[in-house]
Protein backbone atom coordinates (compact mmCIF):
# COMPACT_ATOMS: atom_id res chain seq x y z
CA MET A 1 0.15 -0.16 0.02
CA MET A 2 3.46 2.72 0.93
CA LYS A 3 4.38 1.72 -2.41
CA ALA A 4 1.53 1.79 -4.16
CA LYS A 5 0.96 5.84 -2.67
CA ARG A 6 4.66 6.37 -3.36
CA ARG A 7 4.16 5.62 -6.85
CA GLN A 8 0.97 7.77 -6.92
CA ILE A 9 2.75 10.82 -5.68
CA GLN A 10 5.34 10.71 -8.09
CA THR A 11 3.52 10.44 -11.05
CA MET A 12 1.24 13.63 -9.70
CA HIS A 13 4.64 15.51 -9.24
CA ALA A 14 5.82 14.60 -12.74
CA ALA A 15 2.85 15.32 -14.26
CA ASN A 16 3.23 18.57 -12.35
CA ALA A 17 6.79 19.25 -13.49
CA GLN A 18 5.68 18.77 -16.80
CA GLU A 19 2.71 20.68 -16.99
CA ASP A 20 3.95 24.00 -14.93
CA SER A 21 7.12 23.87 -16.88
CA LEU A 22 6.33 23.38 -20.09
CA ALA A 23 9.62 24.57 -21.85
CA PRO A 24 9.26 25.70 -25.60
CA ALA A 25 10.78 22.22 -26.87
CA GLY A 26 8.57 20.64 -24.88
CA ALA A 27 5.11 22.98 -26.25
CA ILE A 28 6.77 22.09 -29.88
CA ALA A 29 6.53 18.03 -29.22
CA ALA A 30 2.65 18.47 -28.22
CA GLY A 31 1.58 19.62 -31.72
CA PRO A 32 3.40 21.52 -34.20
CA TRP A 33 0.60 24.25 -34.02
CA ARG A 34 2.11 25.11 -30.72
CA LEU A 35 5.69 25.82 -32.67
CA ALA A 36 3.75 29.15 -34.02
CA TRP A 37 3.87 31.52 -30.67
CA PRO A 38 7.57 30.82 -29.95
CA ALA A 39 9.00 31.98 -33.52
CA LEU A 40 6.37 34.55 -33.17
CA CYS A 41 8.18 35.59 -30.04
CA VAL A 42 12.09 34.58 -31.65
CA ALA A 43 11.13 36.75 -34.81
CA ILE A 44 9.63 40.05 -32.90
CA LEU A 45 13.25 39.50 -30.13
CA LEU A 46 15.21 38.76 -33.84
CA TRP A 47 13.26 41.86 -35.71
CA THR A 48 13.86 44.45 -32.94
CA ALA A 49 17.70 43.70 -32.20
CA ALA A 50 18.35 43.80 -35.81
CA TYR A 51 19.14 48.06 -36.03
CA PRO A 52 21.02 48.16 -33.09
CA PHE A 53 22.59 45.06 -33.04
CA SER A 54 24.27 45.73 -35.96
CA ARG A 55 24.63 49.37 -35.71
CA ALA A 56 26.93 48.72 -33.22
CA PHE A 57 29.88 47.95 -35.45
CA ARG A 58 29.32 50.64 -37.48
CA LEU A 59 31.79 53.46 -37.23
CA LEU A 60 29.29 56.94 -36.44
CA GLN A 61 28.53 58.20 -33.09
CA ILE A 62 25.19 56.68 -31.46
CA THR A 63 25.05 58.78 -29.06
CA TYR A 64 27.44 62.00 -27.39
CA ASN A 65 28.65 59.85 -24.61
CA GLU A 66 30.66 57.80 -26.88
CA GLY A 67 33.46 59.91 -27.19
CA TRP A 68 33.25 60.89 -23.82
CA ASN A 69 33.48 57.36 -23.12
CA VAL A 70 36.26 56.32 -25.55
CA TYR A 71 38.82 59.71 -24.19
CA ASN A 72 38.82 58.71 -20.59
CA ALA A 73 39.37 54.72 -21.59
CA GLN A 74 42.22 56.27 -23.27
CA ARG A 75 43.00 58.33 -19.49
CA ALA A 76 42.67 54.76 -17.95
CA ALA A 77 44.92 53.09 -20.67
CA LEU A 78 48.02 55.55 -20.66
CA HIS A 79 47.50 55.09 -16.46
CA LEU A 80 46.54 59.03 -16.34
CA PRO A 81 44.31 60.45 -13.19
CA LEU A 82 40.87 60.23 -13.87
CA TYR A 83 39.97 63.03 -11.10
CA THR A 84 42.39 65.02 -10.95
CA SER A 85 39.76 68.49 -10.12
CA THR A 86 36.44 68.62 -9.53
CA TYR A 87 35.53 71.10 -12.02
CA GLY A 88 37.42 71.24 -15.18
CA TRP A 89 37.08 71.63 -19.16
CA THR A 90 37.32 67.89 -18.93
CA ALA A 91 35.77 66.05 -16.01
CA VAL A 92 34.42 62.61 -15.23
CA ASN A 93 31.27 62.00 -13.17
CA TYR A 94 31.16 58.17 -14.02
CA PRO A 95 33.20 55.66 -11.49
CA ALA A 96 36.04 54.18 -12.79
CA LEU A 97 35.36 50.62 -13.17
CA SER A 98 34.24 51.07 -16.69
CA PHE A 99 37.43 52.75 -18.08
CA HIS A 100 39.99 50.08 -16.72
CA LEU A 101 38.39 47.40 -17.69
CA VAL A 102 37.78 48.58 -21.51
CA ALA A 103 41.11 50.15 -21.37
CA TRP A 104 42.39 46.08 -20.44
CA LEU A 105 40.48 44.78 -22.95
CA SER A 106 42.03 47.18 -25.63
CA GLN A 107 45.38 45.79 -25.43
CA PHE A 108 43.79 42.94 -27.47
CA THR A 109 41.71 44.40 -29.72
CA SER A 110 43.54 47.60 -30.34
CA GLU A 111 39.82 49.64 -30.18
CA TYR A 112 38.20 51.16 -27.86
CA LEU A 113 35.00 52.13 -28.95
CA PHE A 114 34.16 48.79 -30.04
CA THR A 115 35.30 46.93 -27.23
CA ALA A 116 33.16 48.48 -25.38
CA ARG A 117 30.28 48.53 -27.98
CA ILE A 118 30.83 44.81 -27.35
CA LEU A 119 30.04 44.83 -23.74
CA SER A 120 27.70 46.96 -23.79
CA LEU A 121 25.40 43.73 -25.86
CA ALA A 122 27.01 41.82 -23.69
CA GLY A 123 25.23 43.15 -20.92
CA LEU A 124 22.33 43.53 -22.47
CA CYS A 125 22.45 39.06 -22.84
CA LEU A 126 23.66 39.19 -19.95
CA CYS A 127 20.20 40.77 -18.61
CA GLY A 128 18.68 38.74 -20.19
CA VAL A 129 19.69 35.52 -18.48
CA PHE A 130 19.62 36.70 -15.14
CA ALA A 131 15.68 38.14 -15.71
CA GLY A 132 15.02 34.24 -16.65
CA LEU A 133 16.25 32.99 -13.64
CA ILE A 134 15.10 35.16 -11.62
CA VAL A 135 11.60 34.70 -13.07
CA ASN A 136 12.20 30.91 -12.53
CA LEU A 137 12.64 31.44 -8.71
CA THR A 138 9.85 33.45 -8.05
CA THR A 139 7.50 31.11 -10.42
CA ARG A 140 9.13 27.72 -11.51
CA SER A 141 7.71 27.69 -14.35
CA LYS A 142 10.89 27.61 -17.37
CA TRP A 143 8.57 28.68 -20.17
CA ALA A 144 7.98 31.71 -17.87
CA ALA A 145 11.85 32.09 -17.46
CA TRP A 146 12.45 31.34 -21.41
CA PHE A 147 10.65 34.01 -22.56
CA SER A 148 11.35 36.85 -19.80
CA GLY A 149 14.84 36.51 -20.83
CA LEU A 150 14.04 36.96 -25.08
CA PHE A 151 11.33 39.62 -23.83
CA LEU A 152 13.86 42.00 -21.56
CA VAL A 153 16.82 42.08 -25.03
CA ALA A 154 13.19 42.68 -27.29
CA VAL A 155 12.04 45.69 -24.78
CA PHE A 156 15.29 47.22 -24.97
CA CYS A 157 16.13 46.90 -27.96
CA ALA A 158 12.50 48.48 -28.68
CA ASP A 159 12.04 51.18 -26.80
CA ALA A 160 15.48 52.14 -25.94
CA ASN A 161 17.52 51.08 -28.26
CA THR A 162 19.99 54.21 -28.23
CA PHE A 163 21.19 52.07 -25.25
CA VAL A 164 21.53 49.21 -27.53
CA GLY A 165 25.83 48.70 -28.59
CA MET A 166 26.51 51.76 -27.49
CA ASP A 167 29.60 52.91 -24.94
CA ASP A 168 28.03 53.22 -22.04
CA PRO A 169 28.66 50.95 -19.29
CA GLN A 170 24.25 50.92 -18.19
CA MET A 171 24.26 47.93 -19.73
CA LEU A 172 27.11 45.59 -18.03
CA ALA A 173 25.77 47.47 -15.04
CA GLN A 174 22.70 46.14 -14.85
CA ALA A 175 24.33 42.81 -15.24
CA PHE A 176 25.88 43.10 -12.71
CA PHE A 177 22.80 44.22 -10.46
CA LEU A 178 20.49 41.62 -11.43
CA ALA A 179 23.41 39.36 -10.51
CA GLY A 180 23.12 40.01 -7.08
CA PHE A 181 19.05 40.11 -7.19
CA TYR A 182 19.52 36.63 -8.42
CA ALA A 183 21.85 35.50 -5.38
CA TYR A 184 19.64 37.31 -3.01
CA LEU A 185 17.00 34.77 -3.85
CA ARG A 186 18.86 31.95 -4.73
CA GLY A 187 20.56 31.99 -1.14
CA GLY A 188 17.37 32.72 0.14
CA ARG A 189 17.77 35.95 2.17
CA LYS A 190 20.32 34.57 4.41
CA GLY A 191 24.31 33.43 5.47
CA CYS A 192 26.19 34.54 2.67
CA ALA A 193 24.28 35.26 -0.22
CA LEU A 194 23.67 38.43 1.70
CA GLU A 195 27.42 39.14 1.80
CA ALA A 196 27.37 38.22 -2.54
CA THR A 197 24.87 39.91 -2.86
CA ALA A 198 26.20 42.91 -1.36
CA LEU A 199 29.49 42.69 -3.52
CA LEU A 200 27.43 42.51 -6.99
CA PHE A 201 26.02 45.12 -6.50
CA VAL A 202 29.52 47.47 -5.10
CA VAL A 203 30.81 45.80 -8.59
CA GLY A 204 27.98 47.51 -10.61
CA GLY A 205 27.98 50.90 -8.79
CA ASN A 206 31.40 51.31 -9.77
CA ILE A 207 30.96 50.54 -13.32
CA LYS A 208 27.72 52.80 -13.14
CA HIS A 209 26.08 54.34 -9.95
CA ASN A 210 22.33 55.18 -10.53
CA LEU A 211 20.28 51.46 -10.03
CA ILE A 212 20.87 52.20 -6.20
CA GLU A 213 17.03 50.83 -6.05
CA PHE A 214 18.16 47.29 -6.39
CA PRO A 215 20.29 47.60 -2.87
CA LEU A 216 17.20 49.62 -1.10
CA ALA A 217 14.93 47.27 -2.74
CA VAL A 218 16.95 44.62 -1.19
CA LEU A 219 17.22 46.48 2.16
CA LEU A 220 13.68 46.94 2.64
CA ASP A 221 12.37 43.65 2.78
CA LEU A 222 14.61 42.56 4.96
CA LEU A 223 13.55 45.42 6.89
CA LEU A 224 10.59 44.11 6.71
CA THR A 225 11.32 40.10 7.32
CA ALA A 226 15.00 40.09 9.06
CA PRO A 227 16.11 43.71 10.57
CA ARG A 228 19.38 41.67 12.22
CA ARG A 229 20.08 40.68 8.33
CA ALA A 230 19.38 43.64 7.22
CA ALA A 231 22.15 45.22 9.52
CA ARG A 232 24.42 42.51 8.27
CA PHE A 233 23.66 43.64 4.73
CA ALA A 234 23.50 46.95 5.08
CA ALA A 235 27.16 47.38 7.04
CA GLY A 236 28.37 44.79 4.84
CA GLY A 237 27.76 46.74 1.12
CA ALA A 238 28.43 50.11 3.09
CA LEU A 239 32.47 48.86 3.96
CA MET A 240 32.92 47.24 0.57
CA ALA A 241 31.35 50.58 -1.26
CA ALA A 242 34.27 52.16 1.39
CA ILE A 243 36.83 50.47 -0.09
CA SER A 244 36.42 50.75 -3.77
CA VAL A 245 35.69 54.04 -2.73
CA GLY A 246 39.37 53.88 -1.80
CA LEU A 247 40.69 52.04 -3.66
CA THR A 248 39.69 54.06 -6.92
CA SER A 249 40.52 57.44 -5.47
CA ARG A 250 44.01 56.15 -4.66
CA ILE A 251 44.74 55.31 -8.25
CA ASP A 252 42.58 57.41 -10.25
CA GLY A 253 42.34 60.73 -7.97
CA THR A 254 41.86 62.20 -5.23
CA ALA A 255 38.25 64.15 -6.56
CA TYR A 256 36.72 61.10 -7.16
CA VAL A 257 33.92 61.46 -4.79
CA SER A 258 33.03 65.12 -5.46
CA CYS A 259 33.47 63.85 -9.20
CA LEU A 260 30.49 61.82 -9.28
CA LEU A 261 28.47 64.24 -6.46
CA THR A 262 28.89 67.43 -8.69
CA PRO A 263 25.37 69.09 -9.15
CA ARG A 264 23.12 69.47 -12.23
CA GLY A 265 19.78 71.62 -13.51
CA TYR A 266 17.15 69.88 -12.04
CA SER A 267 14.02 69.91 -14.39
CA LEU A 268 10.49 68.33 -13.58
CA ALA A 269 9.38 68.61 -16.94
CA HIS A 270 12.64 66.75 -17.89
CA ALA A 271 11.12 63.75 -15.75
CA ALA A 272 8.08 63.82 -17.04
CA THR A 273 9.87 63.33 -20.90
CA ASN A 274 11.52 60.94 -19.93
CA LEU A 275 9.03 58.98 -17.70
CA SER A 276 6.35 59.49 -20.78
CA ALA A 277 8.90 58.49 -23.59
CA THR A 278 9.78 55.32 -21.85
CA LEU A 279 7.16 54.02 -19.94
CA LEU A 280 3.84 54.71 -22.52
CA PRO A 281 5.47 53.30 -25.22
CA LEU A 282 5.23 50.06 -23.00
CA LEU A 283 1.60 51.20 -21.23
CA LEU A 284 -0.17 47.48 -21.20
CA PRO A 285 3.50 45.69 -19.63
CA THR A 286 3.44 48.67 -17.26
CA ALA A 287 -0.03 48.09 -16.62
CA ALA A 288 0.30 44.47 -15.79
CA ALA A 289 3.60 44.88 -13.89
CA PHE A 290 1.51 47.56 -11.54
CA TRP A 291 -1.45 45.01 -11.03
CA MET A 292 1.54 41.86 -10.54
CA ALA A 293 3.04 44.41 -7.86
CA ARG A 294 0.03 44.42 -6.04
CA LEU A 295 -0.31 40.90 -5.19
CA CYS A 296 3.19 39.97 -5.05
CA TRP A 297 3.48 42.43 -2.31
CA LYS A 298 0.85 39.64 -0.68
CA THR A 299 3.39 37.09 -0.73
CA PRO A 300 6.48 37.37 1.48
CA ALA A 301 8.89 34.90 -1.04
CA ARG A 302 7.70 37.39 -4.06
CA ARG A 303 7.41 41.60 -2.15
CA VAL A 304 10.86 42.07 -2.84
CA LEU A 305 9.31 42.26 -6.83
CA ALA A 306 6.83 45.01 -6.30
CA LEU A 307 9.87 46.77 -3.98
CA LEU A 308 11.66 46.74 -7.34
CA LEU A 309 8.90 48.28 -8.85
CA CYS A 310 8.35 50.78 -6.30
CA CYS A 311 11.92 51.76 -5.45
CA ALA A 312 12.50 52.30 -9.32
CA LEU A 313 9.53 55.03 -9.36
CA ALA A 314 10.38 57.32 -7.38
CA VAL A 315 14.73 56.29 -8.12
CA ASP A 316 14.22 56.97 -11.72
CA ALA A 317 11.46 59.68 -11.12
CA PHE A 318 13.56 62.02 -9.47
CA PHE A 319 17.05 61.30 -10.61
CA SER A 320 15.36 60.86 -14.80
CA GLY A 321 15.07 65.09 -14.08
CA GLY A 322 18.68 66.07 -13.86
CA ARG A 323 20.16 68.37 -17.24
CA GLY A 324 21.94 65.19 -19.06
CA VAL A 325 19.75 62.25 -18.29
CA THR A 326 18.21 60.46 -20.71
CA ILE A 327 15.70 57.06 -20.69
CA ASN A 328 18.90 55.12 -19.10
CA GLY A 329 17.69 57.19 -16.15
CA ILE A 330 14.09 54.68 -16.66
CA PHE A 331 15.99 51.13 -16.27
CA GLY A 332 15.62 50.50 -13.41
CA MET A 333 11.64 50.40 -14.06
CA MET A 334 11.83 48.86 -16.88
CA LEU A 335 13.46 45.81 -15.29
CA ALA A 336 11.09 45.46 -13.11
CA ILE A 337 8.37 45.79 -15.10
CA VAL A 338 9.98 42.63 -17.55
CA LEU A 339 11.01 41.16 -14.13
CA LEU A 340 6.82 41.11 -13.10
CA ASN A 341 5.56 40.71 -16.26
CA GLY A 342 6.96 36.82 -16.13
CA VAL A 343 5.23 36.69 -13.02
CA PHE A 344 1.96 38.21 -14.64
CA TRP A 345 2.27 35.55 -17.59
CA THR A 346 2.33 32.71 -14.73
CA GLU A 347 -0.33 33.68 -12.93
CA PHE A 348 -2.56 35.14 -16.00
CA SER A 349 -1.74 31.23 -17.89
CA SER A 350 -2.38 29.09 -14.42
CA LEU A 351 -6.57 30.30 -14.01
CA ALA A 352 -6.61 27.57 -17.45
CA THR A 353 -6.07 23.67 -17.04
CA GLY A 354 -5.05 21.39 -19.93
CA ARG A 355 -4.42 22.14 -23.67
CA LEU A 356 -6.07 25.83 -22.65
CA LYS A 357 -3.03 26.79 -20.42
CA VAL A 358 -1.09 26.11 -23.09
CA LEU A 359 -3.39 28.18 -25.50
CA THR A 360 -3.16 31.05 -23.06
CA GLN A 361 0.50 30.86 -22.31
CA ALA A 362 0.58 31.49 -25.72
CA SER A 363 -1.61 33.87 -25.79
CA VAL A 364 -0.52 36.71 -23.82
CA CYS A 365 3.60 36.04 -24.49
CA ALA A 366 2.64 36.88 -28.37
CA ILE A 367 0.20 40.29 -27.47
CA PHE A 368 3.16 41.19 -25.17
CA PHE A 369 6.12 41.08 -27.64
CA LEU A 370 3.54 42.48 -30.98
CA TRP A 371 2.97 45.26 -28.06
CA LEU A 372 6.98 45.65 -29.08
CA ALA A 373 5.08 47.52 -32.13
CA ILE A 374 4.56 50.69 -31.10
CA PRO A 375 8.02 51.71 -28.85
CA MET A 376 8.90 50.38 -32.48
CA ALA A 377 7.32 52.67 -34.37
CA THR A 378 7.21 55.68 -31.63
CA ALA A 379 11.41 55.40 -32.52
CA HIS A 380 10.39 55.31 -36.35
CA ASN A 381 12.31 51.72 -36.46
CA LEU A 382 9.48 49.79 -37.86
CA ARG A 383 10.88 49.20 -41.48
CA THR A 384 14.68 47.80 -40.21
CA ASP A 385 15.38 47.95 -44.29
CA LYS A 386 15.14 51.86 -43.97
CA ALA A 387 17.13 52.04 -40.26
CA LEU A 388 20.14 49.67 -41.36
CA ALA A 389 20.23 52.11 -45.01
CA ARG A 390 20.06 54.95 -42.20
CA SER A 391 23.19 54.05 -39.88
CA ARG A 392 25.60 53.40 -43.07
CA ALA A 393 24.23 56.72 -44.66
CA GLY A 394 25.60 57.93 -41.13
CA GLU A 395 28.57 55.59 -41.04
CA GLN A 396 29.65 57.87 -44.59
CA ASN A 397 28.87 60.95 -43.35
CA PHE A 398 31.16 60.01 -39.58
CA ALA A 399 33.99 59.44 -42.29
CA LEU A 400 33.96 62.37 -44.33
CA GLU A 401 33.49 64.87 -41.39
CA ALA A 402 36.31 62.70 -39.50
CA ALA A 403 38.29 62.90 -42.68
CA TYR A 404 38.31 66.87 -42.63
CA VAL A 405 38.71 67.62 -39.45
CA ARG A 406 41.95 65.39 -39.83
CA GLN A 407 43.41 67.48 -42.20
CA GLN A 408 42.89 71.04 -40.16
CA PRO A 409 46.05 71.49 -38.15
CA GLY A 410 46.16 72.18 -34.22
CA PRO A 411 43.72 71.47 -31.83
CA ALA A 412 39.87 71.36 -32.57
CA LEU A 413 36.96 72.38 -30.35
CA CYS A 414 34.31 69.00 -31.56
CA GLU A 415 30.21 69.01 -30.11
CA SER A 416 30.83 65.41 -31.33
CA LEU A 417 33.67 64.04 -28.81
CA LEU A 418 34.48 60.39 -30.76
CA LEU A 419 34.52 62.84 -34.42
CA CYS A 420 36.88 64.51 -32.83
CA TYR A 421 39.12 60.97 -31.30
CA TYR A 422 39.08 59.35 -34.94
CA ALA A 423 40.21 62.70 -36.50
CA GLY A 424 43.30 62.78 -34.20
CA LYS A 425 42.48 65.71 -31.65
CA PRO A 426 43.44 65.95 -28.46
CA TYR A 427 40.99 65.70 -26.09
CA VAL A 428 40.76 69.83 -24.89
CA TYR A 429 36.71 70.67 -23.81
CA ASP A 430 33.89 68.28 -22.83
CA PRO A 431 31.11 70.64 -24.05
CA PHE A 432 28.17 68.43 -21.77
CA ASN A 433 30.21 69.35 -18.31
CA ALA A 434 32.00 72.25 -19.17
CA THR A 435 28.79 74.18 -20.04
CA ARG A 436 27.65 72.65 -16.74
CA PHE A 437 29.91 74.34 -15.05
CA ILE A 438 29.27 77.54 -16.37
CA TYR A 439 26.55 78.00 -15.51
CA LEU A 440 26.34 76.88 -12.52
CA GLY A 441 29.50 79.85 -12.01
CA ARG A 442 32.84 77.55 -11.93
CA LEU A 443 34.14 78.13 -15.41
CA ASP A 444 34.32 81.12 -16.89
CA ALA A 445 33.65 81.04 -20.59
CA SER A 446 35.68 83.81 -21.30
CA VAL A 447 38.38 81.50 -21.20
CA ILE A 448 37.05 79.53 -24.03
CA VAL A 449 35.64 82.87 -26.30
CA ASN A 450 39.34 84.30 -26.01
CA ARG A 451 40.79 81.55 -27.55
CA LEU A 452 38.42 81.34 -30.13
CA ARG A 453 39.06 85.27 -30.87
CA ASN A 454 42.67 84.22 -30.98
CA GLN A 455 41.27 81.52 -33.77
CA GLU A 456 42.94 78.64 -31.54
CA TYR A 457 41.29 75.87 -33.00
CA GLY A 458 42.43 74.59 -36.27
CA ALA A 459 38.02 73.36 -36.58
CA VAL A 460 34.79 73.50 -34.70
CA GLN A 461 32.66 70.71 -35.50
CA LEU A 462 29.12 71.03 -34.65
CA SER A 463 25.94 69.34 -34.87
CA ALA A 464 24.33 71.59 -36.36
CA SER A 465 24.65 75.78 -37.84
CA VAL A 466 25.68 78.22 -35.08
CA GLU A 467 22.71 80.16 -36.35
CA GLN A 468 20.43 76.68 -35.29
CA LEU A 469 22.09 76.16 -32.26
CA ILE A 470 21.66 79.68 -31.17
CA ALA A 471 18.25 79.97 -31.81
CA ARG A 472 16.82 76.86 -30.66
CA HIS A 473 19.29 76.99 -27.37
CA ARG A 474 18.56 75.27 -24.23
CA ALA A 475 19.49 74.64 -21.00
CA ASP A 476 21.29 71.92 -22.03
CA SER A 477 22.38 72.98 -24.59
CA HIS A 478 26.49 72.00 -25.51
CA PHE A 479 28.45 75.51 -25.52
CA ALA A 480 27.17 78.74 -23.47
CA PRO A 481 25.77 81.72 -26.20
CA SER A 482 28.91 83.57 -25.87
CA ILE A 483 31.16 80.84 -27.09
CA LEU A 484 28.46 80.56 -30.02
CA ARG A 485 28.38 83.86 -30.87
CA ALA A 486 32.10 83.52 -31.14
CA ILE A 487 32.33 80.86 -33.44
CA GLN A 488 29.58 82.94 -35.53
CA GLN A 489 31.91 86.46 -35.74
CA ASP A 490 35.92 84.60 -36.22
CA TYR A 491 34.71 81.66 -37.99
CA ARG A 492 33.33 80.41 -41.49
CA VAL A 493 31.39 77.14 -42.36
CA GLY A 494 34.03 74.71 -44.13
CA PHE A 495 32.35 71.40 -44.73
CA THR A 496 28.91 70.35 -44.27
CA ASN A 497 27.02 67.57 -44.61
CA GLU A 498 24.27 65.69 -42.65
CA ASN A 499 26.59 64.75 -39.98
CA GLY A 500 27.44 68.03 -39.16
CA VAL A 501 29.00 71.04 -39.72
CA VAL A 502 32.61 72.38 -39.94
CA TYR A 503 34.14 74.86 -39.26
CA LEU A 504 37.38 77.34 -39.87
CA PRO A 505 38.98 79.97 -38.75
CA ARG A 506 38.54 82.86 -40.59
CA LYS A 507 42.07 84.16 -40.10
CA LEU A 508 43.14 80.96 -42.19
CA GLU A 509 40.91 82.04 -45.60
CA ALA A 510 42.72 86.19 -45.21
CA ILE A 511 46.41 84.02 -45.07
CA ARG A 512 44.82 81.86 -48.50
CA ARG A 513 43.69 84.81 -50.35
CA GLU A 514 47.11 86.64 -50.05
CA GLN A 515 48.80 83.40 -50.92
CA GLY A 516 46.40 83.04 -53.41
CA ALA A 517 47.17 86.88 -54.64
CA SER A 518 50.85 86.87 -54.55
CA ALA A 519 50.92 84.42 -56.74
CA PRO A 520 52.59 84.33 -60.32
């Protein structure tokens, strides 16, 4: 009798495991029609990823930060201090670990830009892996785990494609924060898992420091369940962070902390714009995540997911209003939304049984993946062929402009730092941070104005004509009005294409005219 009962229990467990952990391969084996929904989801993923992944291997500027990161990685490779002063014409307000990592890897690749871009792509893929692992831990559903990982990659490719395959440490940092979150859940919120979680968070923070919602959610979860463990986690994390700050200050410059904490201009309208631009195209996944967070709050094992979404909402809504912060300030919310979507799919499909359950799984995943056509349309990337053509044209224009700047003697003042780098020009001016410090009263714009008056720069590269930049000047513009007026008065247009405009000194034009007049 005992053996019969044991066999009955084993049979029941096997049936439950087969039904609840139905992987895509299992779904395919049950019938040819079930191949359609995983194939559809994978096809949508490839559609969203085609443009940003291919663009990562083209020589063109994706965003302003790329040239800035390249120059700082070069400084790290040359063992030059990164944090020499809090305010300067070239400033660093990111942690140093990403620069050192790119500098070290570039010994083997001989290339800073594409090394960093590959790291970005690898970071995004790792984010998908850890998202799947986290969903599997919280739902025990392999199919939800698989498609949560795929959905995360697709969401970023569709709604934040400028940061996919871009030279910026954000994606790599996110992978470490998600790894720490996974270690926290995998370790049962106790023991050495707390130190491992804190270590991964600190490493991630030394790559990019704006994802504090992860340690904050873990700390609040521990405070609600085990205050002593919360104190252990906080103390261990604080000690590791202090050690990392001390080491960075010793290696890269004593102004490290003050550089990270330099003030920024702030705008509530800018925060609202970032939130709406990021979340409105993801209205269905966002609504499902908030609905699921309410249910997760009632379950202690899943409550940390609800806390992550709440912390991300508060932190991201605040920090995304900072000058120079774009949609990457909302990435913490996007990660939390995807994790909660995975739980939502599991709970929603559990309402059905048998073949109807598989159909429900297929439907809910397909609807969420198809929804990504909306952010693709918002970003004007519905037609992948046209997006790829834009990147090819951008690469050609970048090469022509860089070649022209390279031909001009002396240093150059570039709005595109990446273009200045590939033109072989020294790093003398950081338009974003320098202008920020000018507005804060920490730097004097007349220094650059006088250099322009003396025409010390052999070329000035701008993203548009100086008249256009003056007309549409905003608080987050890359050049102060006095600098733009000096360019307008003392420089003339030498080259223009869709990528930008290059200005040359007017005195050079006069010298050439004199040489032409004196020629026999």
